[in-house]
């Protein structure tokens, strides 16, 4: 039986990061990585951006579907 590591993450925040699109995610990663001193919030932001980049690269259709669902929920 394989046990996967559970990460306490905000789906809404991850989805918002994915909704920026790959180009903006990559630009923001470059911006935050260029900072020599990283406080906890910057480290968490980078973690979220890395997850968004990975999902946009590996699962573009599912990522778009998740973003569309979030937009639909927020319109109600």
C-alpha atoms as a PDB file:
ATOM      1  CA  UNK A   1       0.000   0.000   0.000  1.00  0.00           C
ATOM      2  CA  UNK A   2       1.465   3.315  -1.095  1.00  0.00           C
ATOM      3  CA  UNK A   3       1.032   6.301   1.198  1.00  0.00           C
ATOM      4  CA  UNK A   4       1.176   9.689  -0.444  1.00  0.00           C
ATOM      5  CA  UNK A   5       2.359  12.745   1.414  1.00  0.00           C
ATOM      6  CA  UNK A   6      -0.513  15.067   2.215  1.00  0.00           C
ATOM      7  CA  UNK A   7       0.296  18.724   1.814  1.00  0.00           C
ATOM      8  CA  UNK A   8      -1.935  21.295   3.457  1.00  0.00           C
ATOM      9  CA  UNK A   9      -2.510  23.672   0.566  1.00  0.00           C
ATOM     10  CA  UNK A  10      -5.215  26.064  -0.446  1.00  0.00           C
ATOM     11  CA  UNK A  11      -6.892  24.833  -3.619  1.00  0.00           C
ATOM     12  CA  UNK A  12      -8.304  28.291  -4.256  1.00  0.00           C
ATOM     13  CA  UNK A  13      -4.895  29.960  -4.041  1.00  0.00           C
ATOM     14  CA  UNK A  14      -3.280  27.295  -6.199  1.00  0.00           C
ATOM     15  CA  UNK A  15      -6.020  27.694  -8.782  1.00  0.00           C
ATOM     16  CA  UNK A  16      -5.612  31.466  -8.789  1.00  0.00           C
ATOM     17  CA  UNK A  17      -1.883  30.990  -9.420  1.00  0.00           C
ATOM     18  CA  UNK A  18      -2.664  28.615 -12.296  1.00  0.00           C
ATOM     19  CA  UNK A  19      -5.153  31.080 -13.777  1.00  0.00           C
ATOM     20  CA  UNK A  20      -2.315  33.566 -14.383  1.00  0.00           C
ATOM     21  CA  UNK A  21      -1.014  31.357 -17.182  1.00  0.00           C
ATOM     22  CA  UNK A  22       2.384  29.789 -17.763  1.00  0.00           C
ATOM     23  CA  UNK A  23       4.217  32.941 -18.930  1.00  0.00           C
ATOM     24  CA  UNK A  24       3.213  35.007 -15.927  1.00  0.00           C
ATOM     25  CA  UNK A  25       3.936  32.133 -13.526  1.00  0.00           C
ATOM     26  CA  UNK A  26       7.448  31.770 -14.985  1.00  0.00           C
ATOM     27  CA  UNK A  27       8.058  35.533 -14.792  1.00  0.00           C
ATOM     28  CA  UNK A  28       6.946  35.643 -11.182  1.00  0.00           C
ATOM     29  CA  UNK A  29       9.137  32.637 -10.292  1.00  0.00           C
ATOM     30  CA  UNK A  30      12.148  34.413 -11.830  1.00  0.00           C
ATOM     31  CA  UNK A  31      11.315  37.598  -9.938  1.00  0.00           C
ATOM     32  CA  UNK A  32      11.021  35.915  -6.525  1.00  0.00           C
ATOM     33  CA  UNK A  33      14.038  33.640  -7.079  1.00  0.00           C
ATOM     34  CA  UNK A  34      16.201  36.698  -7.772  1.00  0.00           C
ATOM     35  CA  UNK A  35      15.666  37.967  -4.219  1.00  0.00           C
ATOM     36  CA  UNK A  36      18.602  37.003  -2.016  1.00  0.00           C
ATOM     37  CA  UNK A  37      16.687  37.113   1.265  1.00  0.00           C
ATOM     38  CA  UNK A  38      13.455  35.165   1.252  1.00  0.00           C
ATOM     39  CA  UNK A  39      10.985  35.520   4.096  1.00  0.00           C
ATOM     40  CA  UNK A  40       8.467  32.776   4.842  1.00  0.00           C
ATOM     41  CA  UNK A  41       5.729  34.350   2.704  1.00  0.00           C
ATOM     42  CA  UNK A  42       8.037  34.484  -0.333  1.00  0.00           C
ATOM     43  CA  UNK A  43       9.034  30.850   0.165  1.00  0.00           C
ATOM     44  CA  UNK A  44       5.361  29.874   0.330  1.00  0.00           C
ATOM     45  CA  UNK A  45       4.610  31.935  -2.788  1.00  0.00           C
ATOM     46  CA  UNK A  46       7.424  30.198  -4.667  1.00  0.00           C
ATOM     47  CA  UNK A  47       6.139  26.820  -3.483  1.00  0.00           C
ATOM     48  CA  UNK A  48       2.690  27.684  -4.843  1.00  0.00           C
ATOM     49  CA  UNK A  49       4.136  28.930  -8.154  1.00  0.00           C
ATOM     50  CA  UNK A  50       6.231  25.769  -8.565  1.00  0.00           C
ATOM     51  CA  UNK A  51       3.092  23.666  -8.031  1.00  0.00           C
ATOM     52  CA  UNK A  52       1.168  25.789 -10.553  1.00  0.00           C
ATOM     53  CA  UNK A  53       3.984  25.468 -13.110  1.00  0.00           C
ATOM     54  CA  UNK A  54       4.065  21.707 -12.671  1.00  0.00           C
ATOM     55  CA  UNK A  55       0.295  21.355 -13.062  1.00  0.00           C
ATOM     56  CA  UNK A  56       0.158  23.660 -16.077  1.00  0.00           C
ATOM     57  CA  UNK A  57       2.917  21.660 -17.738  1.00  0.00           C
ATOM     58  CA  UNK A  58       1.745  18.131 -16.882  1.00  0.00           C
ATOM     59  CA  UNK A  59      -2.056  18.565 -16.851  1.00  0.00           C
ATOM     60  CA  UNK A  60      -3.059  21.565 -18.964  1.00  0.00           C
ATOM     61  CA  UNK A  61      -6.625  20.365 -19.659  1.00  0.00           C
ATOM     62  CA  UNK A  62      -7.356  19.540 -16.020  1.00  0.00           C
ATOM     63  CA  UNK A  63      -5.827  22.857 -14.924  1.00  0.00           C
ATOM     64  CA  UNK A  64      -8.065  24.790 -17.308  1.00  0.00           C
ATOM     65  CA  UNK A  65     -11.086  22.842 -16.092  1.00  0.00           C
ATOM     66  CA  UNK A  66     -10.249  23.637 -12.452  1.00  0.00           C
ATOM     67  CA  UNK A  67      -9.795  27.340 -13.228  1.00  0.00           C
ATOM     68  CA  UNK A  68     -13.109  27.389 -15.121  1.00  0.00           C
ATOM     69  CA  UNK A  69     -14.882  25.707 -12.192  1.00  0.00           C
ATOM     70  CA  UNK A  70     -13.481  28.256  -9.753  1.00  0.00           C
ATOM     71  CA  UNK A  71     -14.591  31.131 -11.972  1.00  0.00           C
ATOM     72  CA  UNK A  72     -18.064  29.637 -12.198  1.00  0.00           C
ATOM     73  CA  UNK A  73     -18.291  29.235  -8.417  1.00  0.00           C
ATOM     74  CA  UNK A  74     -17.146  32.821  -7.838  1.00  0.00           C
ATOM     75  CA  UNK A  75     -19.785  34.184 -10.215  1.00  0.00           C
ATOM     76  CA  UNK A  76     -22.629  32.733  -8.135  1.00  0.00           C
END
